[in-house]
């Protein structure tokens, strides 16, 4: 049997000439089902999701808008369009500038689509006064504590929210702990713009010190210095001391924040006549943390003598032996009431 279309009658009464007009309108027999509203698929993701911000360094936020062709957003700080001088300001590009009256604490950064205020995404900026990690394990007691941590907690240090942010290129292995200083004013960096940076300092066993932007904003080193000049000056081959790799800068340097100076102990083999024959030298360098340049007339050759009768003693005197002495503990700076200037301590075995 052929399917037949059913007709519903739509009656229009025409009060004209006393006639009844009937209009036949074909419609489906079943009532048209109401179509469900399309789900709202617009999302805004703000990057970075969490950002520590120091008093002198701005932070750029970006917004990724998906599900719509309208990509433009307005930026808010704590619900205030563009922010203000109390909570920090943010411009149309997403650049957040911390307030002059810097107060430690969090603020919410929000991106809202310009064509519809119902779509938004947020991130958190943490104003931090942490000045830096100047010495091995963060203090002279070697506790490893950072009592000014503002972001990391046992709840968020996990595989989902904690991990590598970026990678840095270096020339050899690292035994020394990297150090960090906030708000370093670099007058003429090798890469990036002059001005304030949060800086991480890395010393390698190839006798090189690097200064990198700790926020990953500059791809190359802000500055780097090398203390070798092959083939006449090289790091000590590990095979010469029954180990692998190289022996160059092994102990963690120490930074004096009052003078912006980094003290670095460097080990070299000079004028080698074979892999392990030549002159072994250990020197203490004092570097300007803003440029990497030597300070205080440095470097100085590490030397010393003490009374003793052990191996290598001559006439009851033991002299520092740059070949055998292995400086591994981190350098330490301290100044007692009796010391007119800070003293740099190094330990060897």
C-alpha atoms as a PDB file:
ATOM      1  CA  UNK A   1       0.000   0.000   0.000  1.00  0.00           C
ATOM      2  CA  UNK A   2       1.305   3.378  -0.925  1.00  0.00           C
ATOM      3  CA  UNK A   3       1.986   5.704   1.948  1.00  0.00           C
ATOM      4  CA  UNK A   4      -0.466   8.530   2.008  1.00  0.00           C
ATOM      5  CA  UNK A   5       0.135  12.010   3.270  1.00  0.00           C
ATOM      6  CA  UNK A   6      -2.352  13.138   5.819  1.00  0.00           C
ATOM      7  CA  UNK A   7      -3.767  16.586   5.584  1.00  0.00           C
ATOM      8  CA  UNK A   8      -4.815  18.782   8.364  1.00  0.00           C
ATOM      9  CA  UNK A   9      -7.370  21.398   7.655  1.00  0.00           C
ATOM     10  CA  UNK A  10      -6.621  24.959   8.438  1.00  0.00           C
ATOM     11  CA  UNK A  11      -9.880  26.834   8.454  1.00  0.00           C
ATOM     12  CA  UNK A  12     -10.069  30.483   7.675  1.00  0.00           C
ATOM     13  CA  UNK A  13     -13.447  31.994   8.035  1.00  0.00           C
ATOM     14  CA  UNK A  14     -13.931  34.898   5.727  1.00  0.00           C
ATOM     15  CA  UNK A  15     -16.679  37.184   6.761  1.00  0.00           C
ATOM     16  CA  UNK A  16     -17.118  38.441   3.294  1.00  0.00           C
ATOM     17  CA  UNK A  17     -19.931  37.617   0.974  1.00  0.00           C
ATOM     18  CA  UNK A  18     -21.031  35.020   3.497  1.00  0.00           C
ATOM     19  CA  UNK A  19     -18.696  32.411   2.124  1.00  0.00           C
ATOM     20  CA  UNK A  20     -16.709  29.754   3.956  1.00  0.00           C
ATOM     21  CA  UNK A  21     -13.195  29.371   2.594  1.00  0.00           C
ATOM     22  CA  UNK A  22     -11.227  26.245   3.349  1.00  0.00           C
ATOM     23  CA  UNK A  23      -7.429  26.199   2.887  1.00  0.00           C
ATOM     24  CA  UNK A  24      -5.713  22.828   2.809  1.00  0.00           C
ATOM     25  CA  UNK A  25      -2.185  22.899   4.294  1.00  0.00           C
ATOM     26  CA  UNK A  26      -0.133  19.700   4.068  1.00  0.00           C
ATOM     27  CA  UNK A  27       1.676  18.939   7.406  1.00  0.00           C
ATOM     28  CA  UNK A  28       3.264  15.854   8.940  1.00  0.00           C
ATOM     29  CA  UNK A  29       0.888  13.819  10.976  1.00  0.00           C
ATOM     30  CA  UNK A  30       3.251  13.869  13.924  1.00  0.00           C
ATOM     31  CA  UNK A  31       3.855  17.167  15.723  1.00  0.00           C
ATOM     32  CA  UNK A  32       7.321  18.547  15.024  1.00  0.00           C
ATOM     33  CA  UNK A  33       9.535  17.738  17.973  1.00  0.00           C
ATOM     34  CA  UNK A  34      11.170  20.724  19.638  1.00  0.00           C
ATOM     35  CA  UNK A  35      14.857  20.871  18.689  1.00  0.00           C
ATOM     36  CA  UNK A  36      17.255  20.970  21.685  1.00  0.00           C
ATOM     37  CA  UNK A  37      19.466  24.056  21.968  1.00  0.00           C
ATOM     38  CA  UNK A  38      23.007  23.600  20.740  1.00  0.00           C
ATOM     39  CA  UNK A  39      25.484  23.221  23.609  1.00  0.00           C
ATOM     40  CA  UNK A  40      27.730  26.210  24.256  1.00  0.00           C
ATOM     41  CA  UNK A  41      31.163  24.998  23.163  1.00  0.00           C
ATOM     42  CA  UNK A  42      33.084  28.258  23.586  1.00  0.00           C
ATOM     43  CA  UNK A  43      36.059  27.885  25.913  1.00  0.00           C
ATOM     44  CA  UNK A  44      38.816  30.284  26.980  1.00  0.00           C
ATOM     45  CA  UNK A  45      42.103  28.993  28.338  1.00  0.00           C
ATOM     46  CA  UNK A  46      44.485  31.468  29.963  1.00  0.00           C
ATOM     47  CA  UNK A  47      48.197  30.731  30.006  1.00  0.00           C
ATOM     48  CA  UNK A  48      50.082  30.491  32.298  1.00  0.00           C
ATOM     49  CA  UNK A  49      47.508  29.141  34.697  1.00  0.00           C
ATOM     50  CA  UNK A  50      49.602  30.137  37.726  1.00  0.00           C
ATOM     51  CA  UNK A  51      52.378  32.736  37.646  1.00  0.00           C
ATOM     52  CA  UNK A  52      54.614  34.038  40.431  1.00  0.00           C
ATOM     53  CA  UNK A  53      55.373  37.714  39.814  1.00  0.00           C
ATOM     54  CA  UNK A  54      58.127  39.764  41.431  1.00  0.00           C
ATOM     55  CA  UNK A  55      58.022  43.493  42.036  1.00  0.00           C
ATOM     56  CA  UNK A  56      60.027  44.566  38.954  1.00  0.00           C
ATOM     57  CA  UNK A  57      59.143  42.004  36.292  1.00  0.00           C
ATOM     58  CA  UNK A  58      55.932  42.062  34.225  1.00  0.00           C
ATOM     59  CA  UNK A  59      54.060  38.905  33.225  1.00  0.00           C
ATOM     60  CA  UNK A  60      52.419  38.247  29.854  1.00  0.00           C
ATOM     61  CA  UNK A  61      49.168  36.266  29.796  1.00  0.00           C
ATOM     62  CA  UNK A  62      47.623  34.823  26.634  1.00  0.00           C
ATOM     63  CA  UNK A  63      44.077  33.658  25.982  1.00  0.00           C
ATOM     64  CA  UNK A  64      43.218  30.788  23.651  1.00  0.00           C
ATOM     65  CA  UNK A  65      39.588  31.083  22.519  1.00  0.00           C
ATOM     66  CA  UNK A  66      37.982  28.063  20.846  1.00  0.00           C
ATOM     67  CA  UNK A  67      34.480  27.297  19.610  1.00  0.00           C
ATOM     68  CA  UNK A  68      33.900  30.716  18.052  1.00  0.00           C
ATOM     69  CA  UNK A  69      35.350  32.980  15.408  1.00  0.00           C
ATOM     70  CA  UNK A  70      35.319  35.882  17.872  1.00  0.00           C
ATOM     71  CA  UNK A  71      38.792  35.682  19.420  1.00  0.00           C
ATOM     72  CA  UNK A  72      39.164  39.157  20.944  1.00  0.00           C
ATOM     73  CA  UNK A  73      39.081  39.373  24.736  1.00  0.00           C
ATOM     74  CA  UNK A  74      39.048  42.009  27.446  1.00  0.00           C
ATOM     75  CA  UNK A  75      41.376  41.554  30.422  1.00  0.00           C
ATOM     76  CA  UNK A  76      40.417  41.953  34.073  1.00  0.00           C
ATOM     77  CA  UNK A  77      42.290  41.883  37.380  1.00  0.00           C
ATOM     78  CA  UNK A  78      40.132  40.803  40.320  1.00  0.00           C
ATOM     79  CA  UNK A  79      37.072  41.713  38.264  1.00  0.00           C
ATOM     80  CA  UNK A  80      38.320  45.192  37.370  1.00  0.00           C
ATOM     81  CA  UNK A  81      38.660  45.895  33.637  1.00  0.00           C
ATOM     82  CA  UNK A  82      42.344  46.656  33.025  1.00  0.00           C
ATOM     83  CA  UNK A  83      43.068  46.444  36.759  1.00  0.00           C
ATOM     84  CA  UNK A  84      44.300  49.425  38.755  1.00  0.00           C
ATOM     85  CA  UNK A  85      47.348  50.675  40.637  1.00  0.00           C
ATOM     86  CA  UNK A  86      46.391  48.796  43.797  1.00  0.00           C
ATOM     87  CA  UNK A  87      46.023  45.289  42.362  1.00  0.00           C
ATOM     88  CA  UNK A  88      48.166  45.702  39.260  1.00  0.00           C
ATOM     89  CA  UNK A  89      47.244  46.652  35.716  1.00  0.00           C
ATOM     90  CA  UNK A  90      46.842  44.596  32.554  1.00  0.00           C
ATOM     91  CA  UNK A  91      46.784  45.989  29.011  1.00  0.00           C
ATOM     92  CA  UNK A  92      44.968  44.833  25.888  1.00  0.00           C
ATOM     93  CA  UNK A  93      47.818  42.459  24.980  1.00  0.00           C
ATOM     94  CA  UNK A  94      47.574  40.629  28.331  1.00  0.00           C
ATOM     95  CA  UNK A  95      50.705  42.163  29.876  1.00  0.00           C
ATOM     96  CA  UNK A  96      50.287  42.367  33.646  1.00  0.00           C
ATOM     97  CA  UNK A  97      52.287  44.989  35.546  1.00  0.00           C
ATOM     98  CA  UNK A  98      52.508  44.540  39.329  1.00  0.00           C
ATOM     99  CA  UNK A  99      51.423  47.438  41.534  1.00  0.00           C
ATOM    100  CA  UNK A 100      53.961  49.957  42.797  1.00  0.00           C
ATOM    101  CA  UNK A 101      52.677  49.397  46.325  1.00  0.00           C
ATOM    102  CA  UNK A 102      53.691  45.746  46.163  1.00  0.00           C
ATOM    103  CA  UNK A 103      51.826  43.508  48.604  1.00  0.00           C
ATOM    104  CA  UNK A 104      52.394  39.755  48.644  1.00  0.00           C
ATOM    105  CA  UNK A 105      49.320  37.748  47.712  1.00  0.00           C
ATOM    106  CA  UNK A 106      47.234  36.327  44.839  1.00  0.00           C
ATOM    107  CA  UNK A 107      45.141  38.131  42.215  1.00  0.00           C
ATOM    108  CA  UNK A 108      42.816  36.678  39.582  1.00  0.00           C
ATOM    109  CA  UNK A 109      43.472  37.404  35.918  1.00  0.00           C
ATOM    110  CA  UNK A 110      40.392  36.926  33.726  1.00  0.00           C
ATOM    111  CA  UNK A 111      39.938  37.038  29.951  1.00  0.00           C
ATOM    112  CA  UNK A 112      36.367  37.709  28.730  1.00  0.00           C
ATOM    113  CA  UNK A 113      35.262  37.532  25.087  1.00  0.00           C
ATOM    114  CA  UNK A 114      34.398  40.957  23.768  1.00  0.00           C
ATOM    115  CA  UNK A 115      31.283  39.840  21.871  1.00  0.00           C
ATOM    116  CA  UNK A 116      29.747  37.993  24.830  1.00  0.00           C
ATOM    117  CA  UNK A 117      30.531  38.566  28.487  1.00  0.00           C
ATOM    118  CA  UNK A 118      29.329  35.072  29.439  1.00  0.00           C
ATOM    119  CA  UNK A 119      32.515  33.417  28.124  1.00  0.00           C
ATOM    120  CA  UNK A 120      35.640  33.733  30.257  1.00  0.00           C
ATOM    121  CA  UNK A 121      38.763  31.995  31.483  1.00  0.00           C
ATOM    122  CA  UNK A 122      40.945  32.741  34.487  1.00  0.00           C
ATOM    123  CA  UNK A 123      44.440  32.355  35.902  1.00  0.00           C
ATOM    124  CA  UNK A 124      46.136  33.361  39.128  1.00  0.00           C
ATOM    125  CA  UNK A 125      49.056  35.696  39.607  1.00  0.00           C
ATOM    126  CA  UNK A 126      50.963  35.389  42.874  1.00  0.00           C
ATOM    127  CA  UNK A 127      52.863  38.474  43.988  1.00  0.00           C
ATOM    128  CA  UNK A 128      55.966  37.120  45.699  1.00  0.00           C
ATOM    129  CA  UNK A 129      58.717  38.800  47.686  1.00  0.00           C
ATOM    130  CA  UNK A 130      61.070  35.813  47.510  1.00  0.00           C
ATOM    131  CA  UNK A 131      64.402  37.508  46.795  1.00  0.00           C
ATOM    132  CA  UNK A 132      66.397  34.500  45.741  1.00  0.00           C
ATOM    133  CA  UNK A 133      68.332  31.343  46.505  1.00  0.00           C
ATOM    134  CA  UNK A 134      71.861  32.589  47.107  1.00  0.00           C
ATOM    135  CA  UNK A 135      73.553  29.517  48.518  1.00  0.00           C
ATOM    136  CA  UNK A 136      73.467  25.740  48.555  1.00  0.00           C
ATOM    137  CA  UNK A 137      70.196  24.418  49.993  1.00  0.00           C
ATOM    138  CA  UNK A 138      68.891  27.957  50.446  1.00  0.00           C
ATOM    139  CA  UNK A 139      70.579  28.945  53.729  1.00  0.00           C
ATOM    140  CA  UNK A 140      73.782  28.568  55.701  1.00  0.00           C
ATOM    141  CA  UNK A 141      72.179  25.900  57.860  1.00  0.00           C
ATOM    142  CA  UNK A 142      71.603  23.895  54.667  1.00  0.00           C
ATOM    143  CA  UNK A 143      67.957  23.211  55.570  1.00  0.00           C
ATOM    144  CA  UNK A 144      66.634  23.364  52.015  1.00  0.00           C
ATOM    145  CA  UNK A 145      63.604  25.290  53.272  1.00  0.00           C
ATOM    146  CA  UNK A 146      61.804  28.003  51.343  1.00  0.00           C
ATOM    147  CA  UNK A 147      59.518  29.581  53.887  1.00  0.00           C
ATOM    148  CA  UNK A 148      58.173  32.057  51.308  1.00  0.00           C
ATOM    149  CA  UNK A 149      56.740  29.511  48.864  1.00  0.00           C
ATOM    150  CA  UNK A 150      53.528  30.933  47.380  1.00  0.00           C
ATOM    151  CA  UNK A 151      52.343  28.370  44.819  1.00  0.00           C
ATOM    152  CA  UNK A 152      53.541  24.833  45.461  1.00  0.00           C
ATOM    153  CA  UNK A 153      51.578  22.732  47.945  1.00  0.00           C
ATOM    154  CA  UNK A 154      51.318  18.986  48.608  1.00  0.00           C
ATOM    155  CA  UNK A 155      47.990  19.122  46.784  1.00  0.00           C
ATOM    156  CA  UNK A 156      49.235  20.569  43.487  1.00  0.00           C
ATOM    157  CA  UNK A 157      52.667  18.961  43.212  1.00  0.00           C
ATOM    158  CA  UNK A 158      51.503  16.002  41.135  1.00  0.00           C
ATOM    159  CA  UNK A 159      51.789  14.637  37.605  1.00  0.00           C
ATOM    160  CA  UNK A 160      48.777  16.655  36.429  1.00  0.00           C
ATOM    161  CA  UNK A 161      49.811  20.155  37.523  1.00  0.00           C
ATOM    162  CA  UNK A 162      53.547  20.025  38.206  1.00  0.00           C
ATOM    163  CA  UNK A 163      56.275  19.392  35.664  1.00  0.00           C
ATOM    164  CA  UNK A 164      58.867  20.801  33.310  1.00  0.00           C
ATOM    165  CA  UNK A 165      58.140  24.315  32.064  1.00  0.00           C
ATOM    166  CA  UNK A 166      61.028  24.732  29.607  1.00  0.00           C
ATOM    167  CA  UNK A 167      64.526  23.468  28.804  1.00  0.00           C
ATOM    168  CA  UNK A 168      67.866  25.283  28.818  1.00  0.00           C
ATOM    169  CA  UNK A 169      70.992  24.477  26.820  1.00  0.00           C
ATOM    170  CA  UNK A 170      74.281  23.948  28.688  1.00  0.00           C
ATOM    171  CA  UNK A 171      77.632  22.479  27.674  1.00  0.00           C
ATOM    172  CA  UNK A 172      78.270  19.720  30.254  1.00  0.00           C
ATOM    173  CA  UNK A 173      77.027  17.966  33.351  1.00  0.00           C
ATOM    174  CA  UNK A 174      76.068  19.843  36.508  1.00  0.00           C
ATOM    175  CA  UNK A 175      77.048  18.970  40.075  1.00  0.00           C
ATOM    176  CA  UNK A 176      76.520  22.441  41.517  1.00  0.00           C
ATOM    177  CA  UNK A 177      73.015  23.481  42.539  1.00  0.00           C
ATOM    178  CA  UNK A 178      71.547  26.231  40.325  1.00  0.00           C
ATOM    179  CA  UNK A 179      70.998  29.536  42.126  1.00  0.00           C
ATOM    180  CA  UNK A 180      68.260  32.140  41.648  1.00  0.00           C
ATOM    181  CA  UNK A 181      67.991  35.905  42.102  1.00  0.00           C
ATOM    182  CA  UNK A 182      64.849  37.982  41.550  1.00  0.00           C
ATOM    183  CA  UNK A 183      64.729  41.418  39.963  1.00  0.00           C
ATOM    184  CA  UNK A 184      68.253  41.547  38.524  1.00  0.00           C
ATOM    185  CA  UNK A 185      68.819  44.683  36.437  1.00  0.00           C
ATOM    186  CA  UNK A 186      70.908  43.622  33.430  1.00  0.00           C
ATOM    187  CA  UNK A 187      72.400  46.568  31.532  1.00  0.00           C
ATOM    188  CA  UNK A 188      73.460  44.745  28.370  1.00  0.00           C
ATOM    189  CA  UNK A 189      72.403  41.086  28.157  1.00  0.00           C
ATOM    190  CA  UNK A 190      73.711  38.861  25.370  1.00  0.00           C
ATOM    191  CA  UNK A 191      70.093  37.889  24.592  1.00  0.00           C
ATOM    192  CA  UNK A 192      66.842  39.600  25.465  1.00  0.00           C
ATOM    193  CA  UNK A 193      66.170  43.185  26.433  1.00  0.00           C
ATOM    194  CA  UNK A 194      68.049  45.241  28.991  1.00  0.00           C
ATOM    195  CA  UNK A 195      66.204  45.731  32.259  1.00  0.00           C
ATOM    196  CA  UNK A 196      64.914  43.602  35.096  1.00  0.00           C
ATOM    197  CA  UNK A 197      64.900  39.820  34.888  1.00  0.00           C
ATOM    198  CA  UNK A 198      64.463  36.989  37.345  1.00  0.00           C
ATOM    199  CA  UNK A 199      67.662  35.022  36.779  1.00  0.00           C
ATOM    200  CA  UNK A 200      68.788  31.439  37.299  1.00  0.00           C
ATOM    201  CA  UNK A 201      72.547  30.793  37.432  1.00  0.00           C
ATOM    202  CA  UNK A 202      73.986  27.436  36.328  1.00  0.00           C
ATOM    203  CA  UNK A 203      77.619  26.315  36.656  1.00  0.00           C
ATOM    204  CA  UNK A 204      78.867  23.290  34.698  1.00  0.00           C
ATOM    205  CA  UNK A 205      81.732  20.841  34.898  1.00  0.00           C
ATOM    206  CA  UNK A 206      83.051  22.339  31.652  1.00  0.00           C
ATOM    207  CA  UNK A 207      83.968  25.467  33.655  1.00  0.00           C
ATOM    208  CA  UNK A 208      81.117  27.578  32.292  1.00  0.00           C
ATOM    209  CA  UNK A 209      78.650  29.780  34.159  1.00  0.00           C
ATOM    210  CA  UNK A 210      75.299  30.640  32.546  1.00  0.00           C
ATOM    211  CA  UNK A 211      72.747  33.284  33.494  1.00  0.00           C
ATOM    212  CA  UNK A 212      69.282  32.452  32.100  1.00  0.00           C
ATOM    213  CA  UNK A 213      65.898  34.139  32.407  1.00  0.00           C
ATOM    214  CA  UNK A 214      64.219  32.072  35.119  1.00  0.00           C
ATOM    215  CA  UNK A 215      60.753  32.670  33.672  1.00  0.00           C
ATOM    216  CA  UNK A 216      61.700  31.248  30.276  1.00  0.00           C
ATOM    217  CA  UNK A 217      61.013  34.544  28.513  1.00  0.00           C
ATOM    218  CA  UNK A 218      64.401  34.680  26.749  1.00  0.00           C
ATOM    219  CA  UNK A 219      65.519  31.698  24.665  1.00  0.00           C
ATOM    220  CA  UNK A 220      69.291  32.254  24.892  1.00  0.00           C
ATOM    221  CA  UNK A 221      71.552  32.947  27.841  1.00  0.00           C
ATOM    222  CA  UNK A 222      71.400  36.444  29.306  1.00  0.00           C
ATOM    223  CA  UNK A 223      75.149  36.028  29.682  1.00  0.00           C
ATOM    224  CA  UNK A 224      77.660  33.226  29.955  1.00  0.00           C
ATOM    225  CA  UNK A 225      81.339  33.049  30.775  1.00  0.00           C
ATOM    226  CA  UNK A 226      83.856  30.247  30.194  1.00  0.00           C
ATOM    227  CA  UNK A 227      87.063  29.797  32.147  1.00  0.00           C
ATOM    228  CA  UNK A 228      88.777  27.474  29.677  1.00  0.00           C
ATOM    229  CA  UNK A 229      90.843  28.146  26.571  1.00  0.00           C
ATOM    230  CA  UNK A 230      91.510  24.844  24.805  1.00  0.00           C
ATOM    231  CA  UNK A 231      93.937  23.340  24.269  1.00  0.00           C
ATOM    232  CA  UNK A 232      96.042  25.260  26.807  1.00  0.00           C
ATOM    233  CA  UNK A 233      93.394  25.513  29.560  1.00  0.00           C
ATOM    234  CA  UNK A 234      90.832  22.711  29.945  1.00  0.00           C
ATOM    235  CA  UNK A 235      88.656  21.245  32.684  1.00  0.00           C
ATOM    236  CA  UNK A 236      90.265  18.342  34.513  1.00  0.00           C
ATOM    237  CA  UNK A 237      89.444  15.028  32.805  1.00  0.00           C
ATOM    238  CA  UNK A 238      87.607  12.804  35.246  1.00  0.00           C
ATOM    239  CA  UNK A 239      89.790   9.862  34.258  1.00  0.00           C
ATOM    240  CA  UNK A 240      92.757  11.623  35.876  1.00  0.00           C
ATOM    241  CA  UNK A 241      91.016  11.300  39.249  1.00  0.00           C
ATOM    242  CA  UNK A 242      89.343   7.902  38.799  1.00  0.00           C
ATOM    243  CA  UNK A 243      85.910   9.204  37.851  1.00  0.00           C
ATOM    244  CA  UNK A 244      83.827   9.873  34.747  1.00  0.00           C
ATOM    245  CA  UNK A 245      83.185  13.032  32.774  1.00  0.00           C
ATOM    246  CA  UNK A 246      84.847  16.332  33.616  1.00  0.00           C
ATOM    247  CA  UNK A 247      85.854  18.131  36.802  1.00  0.00           C
ATOM    248  CA  UNK A 248      85.409  21.869  36.402  1.00  0.00           C
ATOM    249  CA  UNK A 249      82.970  23.702  38.670  1.00  0.00           C
ATOM    250  CA  UNK A 250      81.750  21.162  41.215  1.00  0.00           C
ATOM    251  CA  UNK A 251      80.811  23.065  44.395  1.00  0.00           C
ATOM    252  CA  UNK A 252      77.684  25.210  44.367  1.00  0.00           C
ATOM    253  CA  UNK A 253      78.673  28.894  44.026  1.00  0.00           C
ATOM    254  CA  UNK A 254      77.480  31.470  46.536  1.00  0.00           C
ATOM    255  CA  UNK A 255      75.957  34.889  45.836  1.00  0.00           C
ATOM    256  CA  UNK A 256      76.395  38.024  47.926  1.00  0.00           C
ATOM    257  CA  UNK A 257      73.172  39.999  47.280  1.00  0.00           C
ATOM    258  CA  UNK A 258      74.591  43.139  48.883  1.00  0.00           C
ATOM    259  CA  UNK A 259      77.282  43.487  46.217  1.00  0.00           C
ATOM    260  CA  UNK A 260      75.613  41.479  43.401  1.00  0.00           C
ATOM    261  CA  UNK A 261      78.624  39.160  43.377  1.00  0.00           C
ATOM    262  CA  UNK A 262      78.801  35.434  42.680  1.00  0.00           C
ATOM    263  CA  UNK A 263      81.802  33.526  44.009  1.00  0.00           C
ATOM    264  CA  UNK A 264      82.752  30.489  41.920  1.00  0.00           C
ATOM    265  CA  UNK A 265      85.501  27.911  42.504  1.00  0.00           C
ATOM    266  CA  UNK A 266      86.970  26.734  39.177  1.00  0.00           C
ATOM    267  CA  UNK A 267      89.265  23.790  38.524  1.00  0.00           C
ATOM    268  CA  UNK A 268      91.479  23.569  35.403  1.00  0.00           C
ATOM    269  CA  UNK A 269      94.353  21.632  33.854  1.00  0.00           C
ATOM    270  CA  UNK A 270      96.732  24.027  32.136  1.00  0.00           C
ATOM    271  CA  UNK A 271      99.390  23.534  29.470  1.00  0.00           C
ATOM    272  CA  UNK A 272      98.751  19.784  29.370  1.00  0.00           C
ATOM    273  CA  UNK A 273     101.425  17.579  27.839  1.00  0.00           C
ATOM    274  CA  UNK A 274      99.135  14.535  27.905  1.00  0.00           C
ATOM    275  CA  UNK A 275      95.610  13.795  29.080  1.00  0.00           C
ATOM    276  CA  UNK A 276      96.507  14.046  32.762  1.00  0.00           C
ATOM    277  CA  UNK A 277      99.904  15.757  32.777  1.00  0.00           C
ATOM    278  CA  UNK A 278     100.206  19.500  33.162  1.00  0.00           C
ATOM    279  CA  UNK A 279      99.586  22.154  35.801  1.00  0.00           C
ATOM    280  CA  UNK A 280      96.528  21.683  38.015  1.00  0.00           C
ATOM    281  CA  UNK A 281      95.030  24.954  39.233  1.00  0.00           C
ATOM    282  CA  UNK A 282      92.036  25.913  41.363  1.00  0.00           C
ATOM    283  CA  UNK A 283      90.876  29.537  41.336  1.00  0.00           C
ATOM    284  CA  UNK A 284      88.217  31.566  43.090  1.00  0.00           C
ATOM    285  CA  UNK A 285      86.342  33.935  40.800  1.00  0.00           C
ATOM    286  CA  UNK A 286      84.121  36.856  41.827  1.00  0.00           C
ATOM    287  CA  UNK A 287      81.565  37.574  39.093  1.00  0.00           C
ATOM    288  CA  UNK A 288      79.159  40.463  38.690  1.00  0.00           C
ATOM    289  CA  UNK A 289      75.739  38.753  38.520  1.00  0.00           C
ATOM    290  CA  UNK A 290      74.453  41.415  36.099  1.00  0.00           C
ATOM    291  CA  UNK A 291      77.205  40.972  33.487  1.00  0.00           C
ATOM    292  CA  UNK A 292      79.402  37.960  34.342  1.00  0.00           C
ATOM    293  CA  UNK A 293      82.460  40.188  34.521  1.00  0.00           C
ATOM    294  CA  UNK A 294      85.230  39.665  37.088  1.00  0.00           C
ATOM    295  CA  UNK A 295      85.195  41.839  40.206  1.00  0.00           C
ATOM    296  CA  UNK A 296      87.593  42.765  43.010  1.00  0.00           C
ATOM    297  CA  UNK A 297      90.657  42.137  40.869  1.00  0.00           C
ATOM    298  CA  UNK A 298      89.871  38.423  40.607  1.00  0.00           C
ATOM    299  CA  UNK A 299      90.407  35.636  40.122  1.00  0.00           C
ATOM    300  CA  UNK A 300      92.769  34.439  42.847  1.00  0.00           C
ATOM    301  CA  UNK A 301      94.580  31.104  42.947  1.00  0.00           C
ATOM    302  CA  UNK A 302      93.433  28.932  45.843  1.00  0.00           C
ATOM    303  CA  UNK A 303      96.428  28.268  48.115  1.00  0.00           C
ATOM    304  CA  UNK A 304      97.010  27.458  51.755  1.00  0.00           C
ATOM    305  CA  UNK A 305      99.185  25.744  54.308  1.00  0.00           C
ATOM    306  CA  UNK A 306      98.565  24.136  57.664  1.00  0.00           C
ATOM    307  CA  UNK A 307     100.777  22.338  60.141  1.00  0.00           C
ATOM    308  CA  UNK A 308     100.607  18.585  59.681  1.00  0.00           C
ATOM    309  CA  UNK A 309     102.469  15.379  59.080  1.00  0.00           C
ATOM    310  CA  UNK A 310     100.118  13.594  56.684  1.00  0.00           C
ATOM    311  CA  UNK A 311     100.774  12.542  53.107  1.00  0.00           C
ATOM    312  CA  UNK A 312     102.484  15.348  51.206  1.00  0.00           C
ATOM    313  CA  UNK A 313     103.827  17.008  54.348  1.00  0.00           C
ATOM    314  CA  UNK A 314     107.143  18.866  53.947  1.00  0.00           C
ATOM    315  CA  UNK A 315     108.957  19.824  57.135  1.00  0.00           C
ATOM    316  CA  UNK A 316     105.743  19.493  59.121  1.00  0.00           C
ATOM    317  CA  UNK A 317     103.713  21.643  56.702  1.00  0.00           C
ATOM    318  CA  UNK A 318     100.858  20.458  54.501  1.00  0.00           C
ATOM    319  CA  UNK A 319     100.211  22.617  51.437  1.00  0.00           C
ATOM    320  CA  UNK A 320      96.983  22.805  49.424  1.00  0.00           C
ATOM    321  CA  UNK A 321      97.295  20.380  46.513  1.00  0.00           C
ATOM    322  CA  UNK A 322      95.139  21.481  43.539  1.00  0.00           C
ATOM    323  CA  UNK A 323      95.380  18.006  42.030  1.00  0.00           C
ATOM    324  CA  UNK A 324      94.233  15.952  45.015  1.00  0.00           C
ATOM    325  CA  UNK A 325      91.934  18.435  46.768  1.00  0.00           C
ATOM    326  CA  UNK A 326      88.337  17.852  45.640  1.00  0.00           C
ATOM    327  CA  UNK A 327      86.056  20.750  46.502  1.00  0.00           C
ATOM    328  CA  UNK A 328      82.542  19.331  46.543  1.00  0.00           C
ATOM    329  CA  UNK A 329      80.538  21.038  49.345  1.00  0.00           C
ATOM    330  CA  UNK A 330      78.830  24.275  48.350  1.00  0.00           C
ATOM    331  CA  UNK A 331      80.630  27.516  49.015  1.00  0.00           C
ATOM    332  CA  UNK A 332      79.401  29.443  52.049  1.00  0.00           C
ATOM    333  CA  UNK A 333      79.496  33.159  52.825  1.00  0.00           C
ATOM    334  CA  UNK A 334      79.424  34.324  56.414  1.00  0.00           C
ATOM    335  CA  UNK A 335      80.384  37.378  58.424  1.00  0.00           C
ATOM    336  CA  UNK A 336      80.737  37.417  62.186  1.00  0.00           C
ATOM    337  CA  UNK A 337      80.890  40.491  64.386  1.00  0.00           C
ATOM    338  CA  UNK A 338      84.687  40.253  64.367  1.00  0.00           C
ATOM    339  CA  UNK A 339      84.964  40.099  60.567  1.00  0.00           C
ATOM    340  CA  UNK A 340      85.314  43.442  58.771  1.00  0.00           C
ATOM    341  CA  UNK A 341      84.138  41.776  55.518  1.00  0.00           C
ATOM    342  CA  UNK A 342      82.222  38.642  54.597  1.00  0.00           C
ATOM    343  CA  UNK A 343      84.315  35.485  54.319  1.00  0.00           C
ATOM    344  CA  UNK A 344      83.905  32.819  51.649  1.00  0.00           C
ATOM    345  CA  UNK A 345      84.392  29.288  52.960  1.00  0.00           C
ATOM    346  CA  UNK A 346      85.150  26.240  50.808  1.00  0.00           C
ATOM    347  CA  UNK A 347      85.646  22.639  51.841  1.00  0.00           C
ATOM    348  CA  UNK A 348      87.754  19.945  50.180  1.00  0.00           C
ATOM    349  CA  UNK A 349      88.442  16.261  50.627  1.00  0.00           C
END
